[in-house]
Amino acid sequence: MGQDLRPIPPPEKLKEELLLFFKLYEPSSQKLRYVGRLFVMGSRKPVDILMKLNEMAGFAPDEEIDLFEEIKFEPKIMCEHVDKKSTFRENQLEDGDIICFQKSPQVSDGQQYCYPDVPLFFDYVQNRQ
């Protein structure tokens, strides 16, 4: 929104760019929330935007995070892990896709969550109806 509270259109997009939307999953509170959008080059890798994603989430710049593509929710959930070292195109990401991310689970953390990752949380949400 602009200062006059009217929507501001996104900047012009280059042909090679993808507009991706990002949601943050927090296993401790079992909450998934929208945190923003980014234009990325299809030939670049998710590892190139990890610092920006950490900033969007309020994490430390070097926090390890896991990425998942939210493909579809109905009739059956499809959510796949995104390889951070492959390009966005190699991960078959397209314009308008939704990426969910979370802190990488730490083995030494000792925390046990009912739904420790995005796919398990989606499965829970769909099956609780």
C-alpha atoms as a PDB file:
ATOM      1  CA  MET A   1       0.000   0.000   0.000  1.00  0.00           C
ATOM      2  CA  GLY A   2       1.135   3.492  -0.736  1.00  0.00           C
ATOM      3  CA  GLN A   3       0.963   6.505   1.600  1.00  0.00           C
ATOM      4  CA  ASP A   4      -2.564   7.184   0.326  1.00  0.00           C
ATOM      5  CA  LEU A   5      -3.495   3.584   1.312  1.00  0.00           C
ATOM      6  CA  ARG A   6      -4.040   2.581  -2.298  1.00  0.00           C
ATOM      7  CA  PRO A   7      -2.416  -0.599  -3.638  1.00  0.00           C
ATOM      8  CA  ILE A   8       0.892  -0.153  -5.404  1.00  0.00           C
ATOM      9  CA  PRO A   9       1.365  -2.474  -8.376  1.00  0.00           C
ATOM     10  CA  PRO A  10       4.478  -4.665  -8.297  1.00  0.00           C
ATOM     11  CA  PRO A  11       7.441  -3.478 -10.355  1.00  0.00           C
ATOM     12  CA  GLU A  12       7.737  -4.572 -13.979  1.00  0.00           C
ATOM     13  CA  LYS A  13       8.861  -8.156 -14.321  1.00  0.00           C
ATOM     14  CA  LEU A  14      11.581  -9.349 -16.680  1.00  0.00           C
ATOM     15  CA  LYS A  15      10.894 -12.402 -18.854  1.00  0.00           C
ATOM     16  CA  GLU A  16      13.425 -14.572 -16.961  1.00  0.00           C
ATOM     17  CA  GLU A  17      12.057 -13.538 -13.545  1.00  0.00           C
ATOM     18  CA  LEU A  18       9.621 -15.538 -11.460  1.00  0.00           C
ATOM     19  CA  LEU A  19       7.302 -14.005  -8.889  1.00  0.00           C
ATOM     20  CA  LEU A  20       7.274 -16.306  -5.855  1.00  0.00           C
ATOM     21  CA  PHE A  21       5.180 -15.992  -2.710  1.00  0.00           C
ATOM     22  CA  PHE A  22       6.510 -17.067   0.679  1.00  0.00           C
ATOM     23  CA  LYS A  23       4.882 -18.467   3.805  1.00  0.00           C
ATOM     24  CA  LEU A  24       6.646 -19.163   7.089  1.00  0.00           C
ATOM     25  CA  TYR A  25       5.766 -22.256   9.118  1.00  0.00           C
ATOM     26  CA  GLU A  26       6.450 -22.248  12.853  1.00  0.00           C
ATOM     27  CA  PRO A  27       6.249 -25.801  14.292  1.00  0.00           C
ATOM     28  CA  SER A  28       6.201 -24.559  17.901  1.00  0.00           C
ATOM     29  CA  SER A  29       2.916 -22.695  17.390  1.00  0.00           C
ATOM     30  CA  GLN A  30       1.648 -24.752  14.420  1.00  0.00           C
ATOM     31  CA  LYS A  31       1.101 -21.555  12.446  1.00  0.00           C
ATOM     32  CA  LEU A  32       1.646 -20.845   8.774  1.00  0.00           C
ATOM     33  CA  ARG A  33       1.683 -17.197   7.725  1.00  0.00           C
ATOM     34  CA  TYR A  34       2.386 -15.168   4.620  1.00  0.00           C
ATOM     35  CA  VAL A  35       5.654 -13.223   4.870  1.00  0.00           C
ATOM     36  CA  GLY A  36       6.102 -11.714   1.420  1.00  0.00           C
ATOM     37  CA  ARG A  37       6.967 -12.059  -2.241  1.00  0.00           C
ATOM     38  CA  LEU A  38      10.166 -11.888  -4.263  1.00  0.00           C
ATOM     39  CA  PHE A  39      11.136 -11.695  -7.890  1.00  0.00           C
ATOM     40  CA  VAL A  40      13.846 -14.251  -8.587  1.00  0.00           C
ATOM     41  CA  MET A  41      15.751 -15.221 -11.704  1.00  0.00           C
ATOM     42  CA  GLY A  42      14.787 -18.729 -12.845  1.00  0.00           C
ATOM     43  CA  SER A  43      18.443 -19.542 -13.485  1.00  0.00           C
ATOM     44  CA  ARG A  44      19.475 -18.667  -9.909  1.00  0.00           C
ATOM     45  CA  LYS A  45      19.327 -20.983  -6.894  1.00  0.00           C
ATOM     46  CA  PRO A  46      17.272 -20.775  -3.701  1.00  0.00           C
ATOM     47  CA  VAL A  47      20.529 -20.691  -1.740  1.00  0.00           C
ATOM     48  CA  ASP A  48      21.026 -17.195  -3.248  1.00  0.00           C
ATOM     49  CA  ILE A  49      17.960 -15.806  -1.421  1.00  0.00           C
ATOM     50  CA  LEU A  50      18.325 -17.509   1.974  1.00  0.00           C
ATOM     51  CA  MET A  51      19.544 -14.319   3.681  1.00  0.00           C
ATOM     52  CA  LYS A  52      16.517 -12.419   2.332  1.00  0.00           C
ATOM     53  CA  LEU A  53      14.132 -15.158   3.499  1.00  0.00           C
ATOM     54  CA  ASN A  54      15.736 -15.124   6.953  1.00  0.00           C
ATOM     55  CA  GLU A  55      15.266 -11.359   7.041  1.00  0.00           C
ATOM     56  CA  MET A  56      11.584 -11.698   6.023  1.00  0.00           C
ATOM     57  CA  ALA A  57      11.072 -14.227   8.852  1.00  0.00           C
ATOM     58  CA  GLY A  58      13.020 -12.255  11.468  1.00  0.00           C
ATOM     59  CA  PHE A  59      15.673 -14.970  11.769  1.00  0.00           C
ATOM     60  CA  ALA A  60      19.430 -14.573  12.057  1.00  0.00           C
ATOM     61  CA  PRO A  61      21.006 -14.079   8.597  1.00  0.00           C
ATOM     62  CA  ASP A  62      22.779 -17.465   8.727  1.00  0.00           C
ATOM     63  CA  GLU A  63      19.813 -19.514  10.047  1.00  0.00           C
ATOM     64  CA  GLU A  64      19.442 -22.879   8.280  1.00  0.00           C
ATOM     65  CA  ILE A  65      16.009 -23.154   6.691  1.00  0.00           C
ATOM     66  CA  ASP A  66      14.117 -25.794   4.728  1.00  0.00           C
ATOM     67  CA  LEU A  67      11.996 -24.907   1.697  1.00  0.00           C
ATOM     68  CA  PHE A  68       8.875 -26.643   0.396  1.00  0.00           C
ATOM     69  CA  GLU A  69       6.756 -25.908  -2.655  1.00  0.00           C
ATOM     70  CA  GLU A  70       3.034 -25.799  -1.913  1.00  0.00           C
ATOM     71  CA  ILE A  71       1.733 -27.389  -5.107  1.00  0.00           C
ATOM     72  CA  LYS A  72      -1.903 -28.065  -4.291  1.00  0.00           C
ATOM     73  CA  PHE A  73      -4.131 -28.723  -1.322  1.00  0.00           C
ATOM     74  CA  GLU A  74      -7.244 -30.343  -2.821  1.00  0.00           C
ATOM     75  CA  PRO A  75      -8.210 -33.093  -3.376  1.00  0.00           C
ATOM     76  CA  LYS A  76      -4.885 -34.458  -2.139  1.00  0.00           C
ATOM     77  CA  ILE A  77      -2.049 -32.451  -0.638  1.00  0.00           C
ATOM     78  CA  MET A  78       1.031 -32.020  -2.794  1.00  0.00           C
ATOM     79  CA  CYS A  79       3.986 -30.413  -1.075  1.00  0.00           C
ATOM     80  CA  GLU A  80       7.542 -31.111  -2.186  1.00  0.00           C
ATOM     81  CA  HIS A  81      10.942 -30.301  -0.761  1.00  0.00           C
ATOM     82  CA  VAL A  82      12.847 -27.639  -2.714  1.00  0.00           C
ATOM     83  CA  ASP A  83      16.522 -28.377  -3.346  1.00  0.00           C
ATOM     84  CA  LYS A  84      18.344 -25.194  -2.340  1.00  0.00           C
ATOM     85  CA  LYS A  85      21.349 -26.011  -4.544  1.00  0.00           C
ATOM     86  CA  SER A  86      19.393 -26.557  -7.779  1.00  0.00           C
ATOM     87  CA  THR A  87      18.047 -23.651  -9.808  1.00  0.00           C
ATOM     88  CA  PHE A  88      14.481 -22.459  -9.447  1.00  0.00           C
ATOM     89  CA  ARG A  89      13.753 -23.879 -12.922  1.00  0.00           C
ATOM     90  CA  GLU A  90      15.352 -27.245 -12.057  1.00  0.00           C
ATOM     91  CA  ASN A  91      13.051 -27.329  -9.017  1.00  0.00           C
ATOM     92  CA  GLN A  92      10.190 -26.858 -11.520  1.00  0.00           C
ATOM     93  CA  LEU A  93       9.155 -23.592  -9.891  1.00  0.00           C
ATOM     94  CA  GLU A  94       7.025 -21.277 -11.997  1.00  0.00           C
ATOM     95  CA  ASP A  95       5.627 -17.772 -11.836  1.00  0.00           C
ATOM     96  CA  GLY A  96       3.172 -17.422  -8.930  1.00  0.00           C
ATOM     97  CA  ASP A  97       4.264 -20.512  -7.002  1.00  0.00           C
ATOM     98  CA  ILE A  98       4.111 -20.587  -3.209  1.00  0.00           C
ATOM     99  CA  ILE A  99       7.154 -21.563  -1.169  1.00  0.00           C
ATOM    100  CA  CYS A 100       6.722 -22.470   2.482  1.00  0.00           C
ATOM    101  CA  PHE A 101       9.805 -22.388   4.664  1.00  0.00           C
ATOM    102  CA  GLN A 102      10.801 -23.077   8.237  1.00  0.00           C
ATOM    103  CA  LYS A 103      13.864 -23.321  10.426  1.00  0.00           C
ATOM    104  CA  SER A 104      15.694 -26.580   9.800  1.00  0.00           C
ATOM    105  CA  PRO A 105      15.028 -28.978  12.673  1.00  0.00           C
ATOM    106  CA  GLN A 106      18.065 -29.312  14.927  1.00  0.00           C
ATOM    107  CA  VAL A 107      18.802 -32.813  16.229  1.00  0.00           C
ATOM    108  CA  SER A 108      20.412 -31.386  19.373  1.00  0.00           C
ATOM    109  CA  ASP A 109      17.426 -29.080  19.972  1.00  0.00           C
ATOM    110  CA  GLY A 110      15.494 -31.734  21.898  1.00  0.00           C
ATOM    111  CA  GLN A 111      12.147 -30.122  20.989  1.00  0.00           C
ATOM    112  CA  GLN A 112       9.428 -32.522  19.897  1.00  0.00           C
ATOM    113  CA  TYR A 113       6.647 -31.047  17.777  1.00  0.00           C
ATOM    114  CA  CYS A 114       3.444 -32.775  16.678  1.00  0.00           C
ATOM    115  CA  TYR A 115       3.938 -31.517  13.115  1.00  0.00           C
ATOM    116  CA  PRO A 116       7.658 -30.782  12.726  1.00  0.00           C
ATOM    117  CA  ASP A 117       7.585 -29.865   9.024  1.00  0.00           C
ATOM    118  CA  VAL A 118       5.344 -28.270   6.413  1.00  0.00           C
ATOM    119  CA  PRO A 119       4.127 -31.502   4.708  1.00  0.00           C
ATOM    120  CA  LEU A 120       3.076 -33.036   8.046  1.00  0.00           C
ATOM    121  CA  PHE A 121       1.311 -29.809   9.032  1.00  0.00           C
ATOM    122  CA  PHE A 122      -0.595 -29.693   5.709  1.00  0.00           C
ATOM    123  CA  ASP A 123      -1.612 -33.312   6.160  1.00  0.00           C
ATOM    124  CA  TYR A 124      -2.877 -32.532   9.658  1.00  0.00           C
ATOM    125  CA  VAL A 125      -4.863 -29.485   8.458  1.00  0.00           C
ATOM    126  CA  GLN A 126      -6.504 -31.419   5.637  1.00  0.00           C
ATOM    127  CA  ASN A 127      -7.400 -34.448   7.771  1.00  0.00           C
ATOM    128  CA  ARG A 128      -8.782 -32.573  10.794  1.00  0.00           C
ATOM    129  CA  GLN A 129     -11.885 -31.507   8.812  1.00  0.00           C
END
